[in-house]
Amino acid sequence: MDYKRILDEIAAEVRPLIGQGRVAEYIPPLAAVPHDRFGMVVRTVDGECFSTGDAHERFSIQSIAKVFALTLAMRLEGDGIWERVGREPSGSAFNSLVQLEIERGIPRNPFINAGALVVLDAILDHGDDLLLPFIREAAGDASVGFDEAVAEAERRTGHRNRAMAHFLRSFGNLHNDADRVLDAYFHLCSTSMSCVELANAFSFLAAGGGTIATPRQAKRVNAVMLTCGVYDEAGDYAYRVGLPAKSGVGGGVVAVMPGRFTAAVWSPGLSEKGNSLAGTMALELLTTKTGMSIF
């Protein structure tokens, strides 16, 4: 498979979409990112890496980092994590308080904000400073870190997340101090990585777990990504792309073809659902041109 040629073709075909859509202006550092960026990477399970565009430029991966949190929580808690968070698509906004009240403090899945707060709370039960070393382990890169400017902006504007944390605490589904969990959440979302680094870090999900997770855990993380990983657009992603994927409002998306490759794409302009416009089209073109999807 000539991945380099395919990626260059994709970059040319999605060019009209680059700069369209909106950016996450409610987080000021994300609003300042140039809208014309586009990068894409495919990393095969054999370790070959192919890229195009701004694939080496770091950006705020935002909710993509929730995959790392879930994987670490599964390592620490096993299936016990699922007693506190569900595995179903939300069908509502990722920061909905209404759904959380209706379901009495059990978040619908680990990738909506409430679910990620519960997952981080479970990790904090085992100690502080576990998350960043785990992300670096997955990436194989000790230079990966948090963007403190983004974390501070998240802290200043995260009023709904604060309400959510205290709401969870009121239902008994947050064990640690709410501010401690929120600090971990704001830092998690501020994780800064490039497409190349993301493709490397997610490669364990294409390789059946590797040294990062068991095959059983990798299978389940991929399943939750497929059904819950792209906000309220899981059905459209399954139809168009046909791969487990996780997106973030920083404009990044990572997708996994188990047994074959991981793909990471970044373009800041977002759809109304909060997913990268050019990134989504790029992944659709990737599965079309390679003839590879899980379906």
C-alpha atoms as a PDB file:
ATOM      1  CA  MET A   1       0.000   0.000   0.000  1.00  0.00           C
ATOM      2  CA  ASP A   2       1.458   3.335  -1.076  1.00  0.00           C
ATOM      3  CA  TYR A   3       0.379   5.314   1.979  1.00  0.00           C
ATOM      4  CA  LYS A   4       2.498   8.344   1.154  1.00  0.00           C
ATOM      5  CA  ARG A   5       0.848   8.783  -2.237  1.00  0.00           C
ATOM      6  CA  ILE A   6      -2.593   8.257  -0.671  1.00  0.00           C
ATOM      7  CA  LEU A   7      -1.957  10.842   2.048  1.00  0.00           C
ATOM      8  CA  ASP A   8      -0.766  13.428  -0.465  1.00  0.00           C
ATOM      9  CA  GLU A   9      -3.878  12.796  -2.571  1.00  0.00           C
ATOM     10  CA  ILE A  10      -6.070  13.223   0.512  1.00  0.00           C
ATOM     11  CA  ALA A  11      -4.346  16.482   1.453  1.00  0.00           C
ATOM     12  CA  ALA A  12      -5.066  17.868  -2.025  1.00  0.00           C
ATOM     13  CA  GLU A  13      -8.694  16.709  -2.007  1.00  0.00           C
ATOM     14  CA  VAL A  14      -9.578  18.149   1.407  1.00  0.00           C
ATOM     15  CA  ARG A  15      -7.897  21.506   0.765  1.00  0.00           C
ATOM     16  CA  PRO A  16     -11.235  23.271   0.043  1.00  0.00           C
ATOM     17  CA  LEU A  17     -12.412  22.351   3.556  1.00  0.00           C
ATOM     18  CA  ILE A  18      -9.336  23.691   5.357  1.00  0.00           C
ATOM     19  CA  GLY A  19     -10.201  26.930   7.127  1.00  0.00           C
ATOM     20  CA  GLN A  20     -13.930  26.204   7.088  1.00  0.00           C
ATOM     21  CA  GLY A  21     -15.956  25.520  10.216  1.00  0.00           C
ATOM     22  CA  ARG A  22     -15.441  27.075  13.617  1.00  0.00           C
ATOM     23  CA  VAL A  23     -12.731  26.730  16.231  1.00  0.00           C
ATOM     24  CA  ALA A  24     -13.234  26.195  19.964  1.00  0.00           C
ATOM     25  CA  GLU A  25     -13.279  29.909  20.777  1.00  0.00           C
ATOM     26  CA  TYR A  26     -14.405  29.321  24.366  1.00  0.00           C
ATOM     27  CA  ILE A  27     -10.800  28.225  25.062  1.00  0.00           C
ATOM     28  CA  PRO A  28      -8.809  31.339  24.063  1.00  0.00           C
ATOM     29  CA  PRO A  29      -5.505  29.601  23.163  1.00  0.00           C
ATOM     30  CA  LEU A  30      -7.397  27.356  20.725  1.00  0.00           C
ATOM     31  CA  ALA A  31      -9.018  30.384  19.106  1.00  0.00           C
ATOM     32  CA  ALA A  32      -5.529  31.727  18.367  1.00  0.00           C
ATOM     33  CA  VAL A  33      -4.400  28.642  16.395  1.00  0.00           C
ATOM     34  CA  PRO A  34      -4.061  29.378  12.638  1.00  0.00           C
ATOM     35  CA  HIS A  35      -7.076  27.963  10.831  1.00  0.00           C
ATOM     36  CA  ASP A  36      -5.115  26.854   7.769  1.00  0.00           C
ATOM     37  CA  ARG A  37      -3.328  23.928   9.437  1.00  0.00           C
ATOM     38  CA  PHE A  38      -3.670  20.369   8.159  1.00  0.00           C
ATOM     39  CA  GLY A  39      -1.557  17.355   8.994  1.00  0.00           C
ATOM     40  CA  MET A  40      -2.105  13.630   8.675  1.00  0.00           C
ATOM     41  CA  VAL A  41      -0.177  10.475   9.574  1.00  0.00           C
ATOM     42  CA  VAL A  42      -0.592   6.753   9.059  1.00  0.00           C
ATOM     43  CA  ARG A  43       1.492   4.441  11.255  1.00  0.00           C
ATOM     44  CA  THR A  44       1.402   0.751  10.386  1.00  0.00           C
ATOM     45  CA  VAL A  45       1.604  -2.010  12.995  1.00  0.00           C
ATOM     46  CA  ASP A  46       5.069  -2.744  11.581  1.00  0.00           C
ATOM     47  CA  GLY A  47       6.210   0.698  12.728  1.00  0.00           C
ATOM     48  CA  GLU A  48       6.341   2.440   9.337  1.00  0.00           C
ATOM     49  CA  CYS A  49       5.171   6.048   9.491  1.00  0.00           C
ATOM     50  CA  PHE A  50       3.877   8.117   6.566  1.00  0.00           C
ATOM     51  CA  SER A  51       2.863  11.770   6.815  1.00  0.00           C
ATOM     52  CA  THR A  52       1.692  14.833   4.951  1.00  0.00           C
ATOM     53  CA  GLY A  53       1.286  18.499   5.848  1.00  0.00           C
ATOM     54  CA  ASP A  54       1.679  19.819   9.395  1.00  0.00           C
ATOM     55  CA  ALA A  55       2.043  16.364  10.891  1.00  0.00           C
ATOM     56  CA  HIS A  56       4.922  17.283  13.225  1.00  0.00           C
ATOM     57  CA  GLU A  57       3.329  20.397  14.736  1.00  0.00           C
ATOM     58  CA  ARG A  58       1.978  19.945  18.252  1.00  0.00           C
ATOM     59  CA  PHE A  59      -1.560  21.003  19.133  1.00  0.00           C
ATOM     60  CA  SER A  60      -3.960  20.647  22.054  1.00  0.00           C
ATOM     61  CA  ILE A  61      -5.428  17.162  21.742  1.00  0.00           C
ATOM     62  CA  GLN A  62      -8.277  17.901  24.184  1.00  0.00           C
ATOM     63  CA  SER A  63     -10.769  14.999  24.460  1.00  0.00           C
ATOM     64  CA  ILE A  64      -8.523  12.594  22.542  1.00  0.00           C
ATOM     65  CA  ALA A  65      -6.566  12.319  25.797  1.00  0.00           C
ATOM     66  CA  LYS A  66      -9.600  10.718  27.451  1.00  0.00           C
ATOM     67  CA  VAL A  67      -8.602   7.480  25.712  1.00  0.00           C
ATOM     68  CA  PHE A  68      -5.369   7.458  27.692  1.00  0.00           C
ATOM     69  CA  ALA A  69      -7.287   8.077  30.917  1.00  0.00           C
ATOM     70  CA  LEU A  70      -9.726   5.237  30.206  1.00  0.00           C
ATOM     71  CA  THR A  71      -6.925   2.812  29.327  1.00  0.00           C
ATOM     72  CA  LEU A  72      -5.026   3.656  32.512  1.00  0.00           C
ATOM     73  CA  ALA A  73      -8.175   3.331  34.620  1.00  0.00           C
ATOM     74  CA  MET A  74      -8.826  -0.099  33.106  1.00  0.00           C
ATOM     75  CA  ARG A  75      -5.242  -1.090  33.965  1.00  0.00           C
ATOM     76  CA  LEU A  76      -5.749   0.070  37.571  1.00  0.00           C
ATOM     77  CA  GLU A  77      -9.386  -0.869  38.172  1.00  0.00           C
ATOM     78  CA  GLY A  78     -10.160  -3.634  35.701  1.00  0.00           C
ATOM     79  CA  ASP A  79     -13.862  -4.035  34.936  1.00  0.00           C
ATOM     80  CA  GLY A  80     -14.670  -2.222  38.178  1.00  0.00           C
ATOM     81  CA  ILE A  81     -14.535   1.078  36.316  1.00  0.00           C
ATOM     82  CA  TRP A  82     -17.770   0.138  34.550  1.00  0.00           C
ATOM     83  CA  GLU A  83     -19.664   0.172  37.847  1.00  0.00           C
ATOM     84  CA  ARG A  84     -19.295   3.953  37.838  1.00  0.00           C
ATOM     85  CA  VAL A  85     -19.601   4.868  34.151  1.00  0.00           C
ATOM     86  CA  GLY A  86     -21.582   3.444  31.227  1.00  0.00           C
ATOM     87  CA  ARG A  87     -20.630   2.456  27.701  1.00  0.00           C
ATOM     88  CA  GLU A  88     -23.519   3.883  25.671  1.00  0.00           C
ATOM     89  CA  PRO A  89     -23.565   6.813  23.231  1.00  0.00           C
ATOM     90  CA  SER A  90     -24.899   9.898  24.974  1.00  0.00           C
ATOM     91  CA  GLY A  91     -27.196  11.307  22.313  1.00  0.00           C
ATOM     92  CA  SER A  92     -26.725  14.620  24.129  1.00  0.00           C
ATOM     93  CA  ALA A  93     -24.097  17.329  24.355  1.00  0.00           C
ATOM     94  CA  PHE A  94     -20.762  16.182  25.787  1.00  0.00           C
ATOM     95  CA  ASN A  95     -21.209  18.602  28.722  1.00  0.00           C
ATOM     96  CA  SER A  96     -24.893  17.926  29.462  1.00  0.00           C
ATOM     97  CA  LEU A  97     -25.989  18.301  33.083  1.00  0.00           C
ATOM     98  CA  VAL A  98     -29.564  17.258  32.345  1.00  0.00           C
ATOM     99  CA  GLN A  99     -28.632  13.731  31.315  1.00  0.00           C
ATOM    100  CA  LEU A 100     -26.427  13.325  34.366  1.00  0.00           C
ATOM    101  CA  GLU A 101     -29.313  14.224  36.660  1.00  0.00           C
ATOM    102  CA  ILE A 102     -31.739  11.902  34.916  1.00  0.00           C
ATOM    103  CA  GLU A 103     -29.297   9.004  35.222  1.00  0.00           C
ATOM    104  CA  ARG A 104     -28.493   9.832  38.856  1.00  0.00           C
ATOM    105  CA  GLY A 105     -24.828  10.551  38.570  1.00  0.00           C
ATOM    106  CA  ILE A 106     -23.749   7.647  36.354  1.00  0.00           C
ATOM    107  CA  PRO A 107     -22.282   9.200  33.166  1.00  0.00           C
ATOM    108  CA  ARG A 108     -23.383   7.579  29.927  1.00  0.00           C
ATOM    109  CA  ASN A 109     -19.799   6.874  28.753  1.00  0.00           C
ATOM    110  CA  PRO A 110     -16.179   7.701  29.651  1.00  0.00           C
ATOM    111  CA  PHE A 111     -15.673  10.175  26.802  1.00  0.00           C
ATOM    112  CA  ILE A 112     -18.274  12.765  27.737  1.00  0.00           C
ATOM    113  CA  ASN A 113     -16.995  15.269  30.280  1.00  0.00           C
ATOM    114  CA  ALA A 114     -18.788  13.760  33.271  1.00  0.00           C
ATOM    115  CA  GLY A 115     -17.516  10.304  32.367  1.00  0.00           C
ATOM    116  CA  ALA A 116     -13.946  11.546  32.061  1.00  0.00           C
ATOM    117  CA  LEU A 117     -14.207  13.171  35.500  1.00  0.00           C
ATOM    118  CA  VAL A 118     -15.261   9.841  37.021  1.00  0.00           C
ATOM    119  CA  VAL A 119     -12.441   8.015  35.209  1.00  0.00           C
ATOM    120  CA  LEU A 120      -9.887  10.534  36.515  1.00  0.00           C
ATOM    121  CA  ASP A 121     -11.328  10.226  40.008  1.00  0.00           C
ATOM    122  CA  ALA A 122     -10.748   6.458  39.826  1.00  0.00           C
ATOM    123  CA  ILE A 123      -7.132   7.054  38.758  1.00  0.00           C
ATOM    124  CA  LEU A 124      -6.588   9.538  41.600  1.00  0.00           C
ATOM    125  CA  ASP A 125      -7.713   6.847  44.050  1.00  0.00           C
ATOM    126  CA  HIS A 126      -4.396   5.166  43.182  1.00  0.00           C
ATOM    127  CA  GLY A 127      -2.234   8.285  43.527  1.00  0.00           C
ATOM    128  CA  ASP A 128      -1.220  11.559  41.924  1.00  0.00           C
ATOM    129  CA  ASP A 129       0.966  12.045  38.881  1.00  0.00           C
ATOM    130  CA  LEU A 130       0.097   8.739  37.211  1.00  0.00           C
ATOM    131  CA  LEU A 131      -1.443  10.087  34.027  1.00  0.00           C
ATOM    132  CA  LEU A 132       1.387  11.961  32.315  1.00  0.00           C
ATOM    133  CA  PRO A 133       3.917   9.120  32.786  1.00  0.00           C
ATOM    134  CA  PHE A 134       1.345   6.762  31.259  1.00  0.00           C
ATOM    135  CA  ILE A 135       0.801   9.037  28.243  1.00  0.00           C
ATOM    136  CA  ARG A 136       4.566   9.276  27.779  1.00  0.00           C
ATOM    137  CA  GLU A 137       4.812   5.488  28.033  1.00  0.00           C
ATOM    138  CA  ALA A 138       2.209   5.068  25.300  1.00  0.00           C
ATOM    139  CA  ALA A 139       3.892   7.678  23.100  1.00  0.00           C
ATOM    140  CA  GLY A 140       7.394   6.392  23.784  1.00  0.00           C
ATOM    141  CA  ASP A 141       8.364  10.045  24.215  1.00  0.00           C
ATOM    142  CA  ALA A 142       9.291  11.708  27.506  1.00  0.00           C
ATOM    143  CA  SER A 143       8.960  15.192  25.953  1.00  0.00           C
ATOM    144  CA  VAL A 144       5.154  14.919  25.626  1.00  0.00           C
ATOM    145  CA  GLY A 145       3.490  17.112  28.222  1.00  0.00           C
ATOM    146  CA  PHE A 146       0.717  19.449  29.265  1.00  0.00           C
ATOM    147  CA  ASP A 147       0.322  22.965  27.872  1.00  0.00           C
ATOM    148  CA  GLU A 148       0.018  25.050  31.042  1.00  0.00           C
ATOM    149  CA  ALA A 149      -1.448  28.034  29.169  1.00  0.00           C
ATOM    150  CA  VAL A 150      -4.262  25.858  27.842  1.00  0.00           C
ATOM    151  CA  ALA A 151      -4.800  24.239  31.248  1.00  0.00           C
ATOM    152  CA  GLU A 152      -5.107  27.672  32.843  1.00  0.00           C
ATOM    153  CA  ALA A 153      -7.569  28.806  30.152  1.00  0.00           C
ATOM    154  CA  GLU A 154      -9.610  25.644  30.758  1.00  0.00           C
ATOM    155  CA  ARG A 155      -9.593  26.431  34.467  1.00  0.00           C
ATOM    156  CA  ARG A 156     -10.788  30.013  33.907  1.00  0.00           C
ATOM    157  CA  THR A 157     -13.627  29.025  31.577  1.00  0.00           C
ATOM    158  CA  GLY A 158     -14.595  25.587  32.962  1.00  0.00           C
ATOM    159  CA  HIS A 159     -17.657  26.642  34.939  1.00  0.00           C
ATOM    160  CA  ARG A 160     -19.890  23.885  33.589  1.00  0.00           C
ATOM    161  CA  ASN A 161     -17.228  21.281  34.334  1.00  0.00           C
ATOM    162  CA  ARG A 162     -17.051  22.582  37.908  1.00  0.00           C
ATOM    163  CA  ALA A 163     -20.813  22.238  38.225  1.00  0.00           C
ATOM    164  CA  MET A 164     -20.574  18.738  36.804  1.00  0.00           C
ATOM    165  CA  ALA A 165     -17.867  17.672  39.259  1.00  0.00           C
ATOM    166  CA  HIS A 166     -19.854  18.875  42.253  1.00  0.00           C
ATOM    167  CA  PHE A 167     -23.000  17.280  40.819  1.00  0.00           C
ATOM    168  CA  LEU A 168     -21.151  13.950  40.574  1.00  0.00           C
ATOM    169  CA  ARG A 169     -19.931  14.408  44.123  1.00  0.00           C
ATOM    170  CA  SER A 170     -23.505  14.955  45.300  1.00  0.00           C
ATOM    171  CA  PHE A 171     -24.452  11.565  43.830  1.00  0.00           C
ATOM    172  CA  GLY A 172     -21.481   9.898  45.528  1.00  0.00           C
ATOM    173  CA  ASN A 173     -19.753   9.125  42.212  1.00  0.00           C
ATOM    174  CA  LEU A 174     -16.740  11.342  42.892  1.00  0.00           C
ATOM    175  CA  HIS A 175     -14.563  10.160  45.770  1.00  0.00           C
ATOM    176  CA  ASN A 176     -11.853  12.802  45.735  1.00  0.00           C
ATOM    177  CA  ASP A 177     -12.052  16.535  46.266  1.00  0.00           C
ATOM    178  CA  ALA A 178     -13.776  18.085  43.255  1.00  0.00           C
ATOM    179  CA  ASP A 179     -11.047  20.684  42.701  1.00  0.00           C
ATOM    180  CA  ARG A 180      -8.385  17.954  42.659  1.00  0.00           C
ATOM    181  CA  VAL A 181     -10.287  16.036  39.991  1.00  0.00           C
ATOM    182  CA  LEU A 182     -10.927  19.186  37.986  1.00  0.00           C
ATOM    183  CA  ASP A 183      -7.238  20.100  38.018  1.00  0.00           C
ATOM    184  CA  ALA A 184      -6.433  16.644  36.636  1.00  0.00           C
ATOM    185  CA  TYR A 185      -9.144  17.090  33.986  1.00  0.00           C
ATOM    186  CA  PHE A 186      -7.970  20.519  32.832  1.00  0.00           C
ATOM    187  CA  HIS A 187      -4.422  19.237  32.527  1.00  0.00           C
ATOM    188  CA  LEU A 188      -5.521  16.084  30.703  1.00  0.00           C
ATOM    189  CA  CYS A 189      -7.324  18.136  28.061  1.00  0.00           C
ATOM    190  CA  SER A 190      -4.303  20.418  27.666  1.00  0.00           C
ATOM    191  CA  THR A 191      -2.053  17.547  26.530  1.00  0.00           C
ATOM    192  CA  SER A 192      -0.044  18.724  23.524  1.00  0.00           C
ATOM    193  CA  MET A 193       0.997  16.266  20.818  1.00  0.00           C
ATOM    194  CA  SER A 194       1.560  16.134  17.071  1.00  0.00           C
ATOM    195  CA  CYS A 195      -0.126  13.790  14.613  1.00  0.00           C
ATOM    196  CA  VAL A 196       3.056  11.711  14.507  1.00  0.00           C
ATOM    197  CA  GLU A 197       3.118  11.428  18.299  1.00  0.00           C
ATOM    198  CA  LEU A 198      -0.583  10.585  18.457  1.00  0.00           C
ATOM    199  CA  ALA A 199      -0.302   7.860  15.843  1.00  0.00           C
ATOM    200  CA  ASN A 200       2.586   6.351  17.813  1.00  0.00           C
ATOM    201  CA  ALA A 201       0.762   6.638  21.137  1.00  0.00           C
ATOM    202  CA  PHE A 202      -2.397   4.955  19.819  1.00  0.00           C
ATOM    203  CA  SER A 203      -0.514   2.167  18.070  1.00  0.00           C
ATOM    204  CA  PHE A 204      -1.182  -0.203  20.983  1.00  0.00           C
ATOM    205  CA  LEU A 205      -4.845  -0.226  19.969  1.00  0.00           C
ATOM    206  CA  ALA A 206      -3.949  -1.403  16.459  1.00  0.00           C
ATOM    207  CA  ALA A 207      -1.463  -3.962  17.796  1.00  0.00           C
ATOM    208  CA  GLY A 208      -3.801  -5.702  20.222  1.00  0.00           C
ATOM    209  CA  GLY A 209      -2.540  -3.932  23.327  1.00  0.00           C
ATOM    210  CA  GLY A 210       1.226  -4.339  23.092  1.00  0.00           C
ATOM    211  CA  THR A 211       2.884  -3.448  26.391  1.00  0.00           C
ATOM    212  CA  ILE A 212       0.262  -0.792  27.210  1.00  0.00           C
ATOM    213  CA  ALA A 213      -2.905  -2.862  27.590  1.00  0.00           C
ATOM    214  CA  THR A 214      -4.093  -6.444  27.433  1.00  0.00           C
ATOM    215  CA  PRO A 215      -5.708  -7.651  24.191  1.00  0.00           C
ATOM    216  CA  ARG A 216      -9.051  -7.692  26.028  1.00  0.00           C
ATOM    217  CA  GLN A 217      -8.639  -4.088  27.146  1.00  0.00           C
ATOM    218  CA  ALA A 218      -7.547  -2.923  23.686  1.00  0.00           C
ATOM    219  CA  LYS A 219     -10.603  -4.576  22.156  1.00  0.00           C
ATOM    220  CA  ARG A 220     -12.894  -2.814  24.598  1.00  0.00           C
ATOM    221  CA  VAL A 221     -11.287   0.604  24.231  1.00  0.00           C
ATOM    222  CA  ASN A 222     -11.667   0.332  20.455  1.00  0.00           C
ATOM    223  CA  ALA A 223     -15.319  -0.613  20.911  1.00  0.00           C
ATOM    224  CA  VAL A 224     -16.046   2.407  23.101  1.00  0.00           C
ATOM    225  CA  MET A 225     -14.233   4.646  20.625  1.00  0.00           C
ATOM    226  CA  LEU A 226     -16.448   3.342  17.821  1.00  0.00           C
ATOM    227  CA  THR A 227     -19.694   4.001  19.681  1.00  0.00           C
ATOM    228  CA  CYS A 228     -18.800   7.050  21.782  1.00  0.00           C
ATOM    229  CA  GLY A 229     -15.580   8.612  20.491  1.00  0.00           C
ATOM    230  CA  VAL A 230     -16.757  11.438  18.240  1.00  0.00           C
ATOM    231  CA  TYR A 231     -19.288  13.296  20.374  1.00  0.00           C
ATOM    232  CA  ASP A 232     -22.816  12.983  19.007  1.00  0.00           C
ATOM    233  CA  GLU A 233     -21.699  11.855  15.544  1.00  0.00           C
ATOM    234  CA  ALA A 234     -20.886   8.169  16.096  1.00  0.00           C
ATOM    235  CA  GLY A 235     -23.395   6.866  13.550  1.00  0.00           C
ATOM    236  CA  ASP A 236     -22.183   9.184  10.811  1.00  0.00           C
ATOM    237  CA  TYR A 237     -18.553   8.271  11.537  1.00  0.00           C
ATOM    238  CA  ALA A 238     -19.318   4.564  11.400  1.00  0.00           C
ATOM    239  CA  TYR A 239     -21.105   5.114   8.087  1.00  0.00           C
ATOM    240  CA  ARG A 240     -18.512   7.403   6.491  1.00  0.00           C
ATOM    241  CA  VAL A 241     -15.222   6.306   8.047  1.00  0.00           C
ATOM    242  CA  GLY A 242     -15.816   2.836   9.449  1.00  0.00           C
ATOM    243  CA  LEU A 243     -13.069   2.953  12.092  1.00  0.00           C
ATOM    244  CA  PRO A 244     -12.973   3.412  15.868  1.00  0.00           C
ATOM    245  CA  ALA A 245     -12.013   7.044  16.385  1.00  0.00           C
ATOM    246  CA  LYS A 246     -11.590   9.705  19.051  1.00  0.00           C
ATOM    247  CA  SER A 247     -11.785  13.400  18.334  1.00  0.00           C
ATOM    248  CA  GLY A 248     -11.074  16.596  20.248  1.00  0.00           C
ATOM    249  CA  VAL A 249     -12.160  20.196  19.882  1.00  0.00           C
ATOM    250  CA  GLY A 250      -8.560  21.125  19.138  1.00  0.00           C
ATOM    251  CA  GLY A 251      -9.262  19.723  15.663  1.00  0.00           C
ATOM    252  CA  GLY A 252      -7.497  16.396  16.062  1.00  0.00           C
ATOM    253  CA  VAL A 253      -8.877  12.926  15.333  1.00  0.00           C
ATOM    254  CA  VAL A 254      -7.219   9.553  15.826  1.00  0.00           C
ATOM    255  CA  ALA A 255      -8.582   6.416  14.150  1.00  0.00           C
ATOM    256  CA  VAL A 256      -7.604   2.764  14.492  1.00  0.00           C
ATOM    257  CA  MET A 257      -7.682  -0.069  11.982  1.00  0.00           C
ATOM    258  CA  PRO A 258      -7.009  -3.065  14.266  1.00  0.00           C
ATOM    259  CA  GLY A 259      -4.197  -5.232  12.995  1.00  0.00           C
ATOM    260  CA  ARG A 260      -3.193  -2.716  10.310  1.00  0.00           C
ATOM    261  CA  PHE A 261      -2.609   0.928  11.270  1.00  0.00           C
ATOM    262  CA  THR A 262      -3.379   3.991  13.324  1.00  0.00           C
ATOM    263  CA  ALA A 263      -4.170   7.284  11.614  1.00  0.00           C
ATOM    264  CA  ALA A 264      -4.033  10.766  13.121  1.00  0.00           C
ATOM    265  CA  VAL A 265      -5.254  13.938  11.455  1.00  0.00           C
ATOM    266  CA  TRP A 266      -5.421  17.582  12.545  1.00  0.00           C
ATOM    267  CA  SER A 267      -7.315  20.517  11.106  1.00  0.00           C
ATOM    268  CA  PRO A 268      -8.739  23.107  13.544  1.00  0.00           C
ATOM    269  CA  GLY A 269     -12.022  23.962  11.777  1.00  0.00           C
ATOM    270  CA  LEU A 270     -14.889  22.087  13.450  1.00  0.00           C
ATOM    271  CA  SER A 271     -18.333  20.934  12.392  1.00  0.00           C
ATOM    272  CA  GLU A 272     -21.436  21.746  14.434  1.00  0.00           C
ATOM    273  CA  LYS A 273     -20.865  18.453  16.277  1.00  0.00           C
ATOM    274  CA  GLY A 274     -17.362  19.513  17.321  1.00  0.00           C
ATOM    275  CA  ASN A 275     -15.389  17.260  14.972  1.00  0.00           C
ATOM    276  CA  SER A 276     -12.751  18.430  12.487  1.00  0.00           C
ATOM    277  CA  LEU A 277     -14.390  19.051   9.096  1.00  0.00           C
ATOM    278  CA  ALA A 278     -11.297  18.376   6.994  1.00  0.00           C
ATOM    279  CA  GLY A 279     -10.143  15.638   9.391  1.00  0.00           C
ATOM    280  CA  THR A 280     -13.378  13.704   9.047  1.00  0.00           C
ATOM    281  CA  MET A 281     -13.286  13.895   5.278  1.00  0.00           C
ATOM    282  CA  ALA A 282      -9.617  12.883   5.286  1.00  0.00           C
ATOM    283  CA  LEU A 283     -10.391   9.729   7.278  1.00  0.00           C
ATOM    284  CA  GLU A 284     -13.323   8.909   5.003  1.00  0.00           C
ATOM    285  CA  LEU A 285     -11.023   9.226   1.995  1.00  0.00           C
ATOM    286  CA  LEU A 286      -8.386   7.080   3.729  1.00  0.00           C
ATOM    287  CA  THR A 287     -10.723   4.132   4.207  1.00  0.00           C
ATOM    288  CA  THR A 288     -12.133   4.585   0.709  1.00  0.00           C
ATOM    289  CA  LYS A 289      -8.742   4.723  -0.997  1.00  0.00           C
ATOM    290  CA  THR A 290      -7.203   1.866   1.011  1.00  0.00           C
ATOM    291  CA  GLY A 291     -10.360  -0.258   0.966  1.00  0.00           C
ATOM    292  CA  MET A 292      -9.802  -0.916   4.687  1.00  0.00           C
ATOM    293  CA  SER A 293     -12.317  -0.436   7.471  1.00  0.00           C
ATOM    294  CA  ILE A 294     -13.731  -2.677  10.196  1.00  0.00           C
ATOM    295  CA  PHE A 295     -16.838  -3.304   8.085  1.00  0.00           C
END
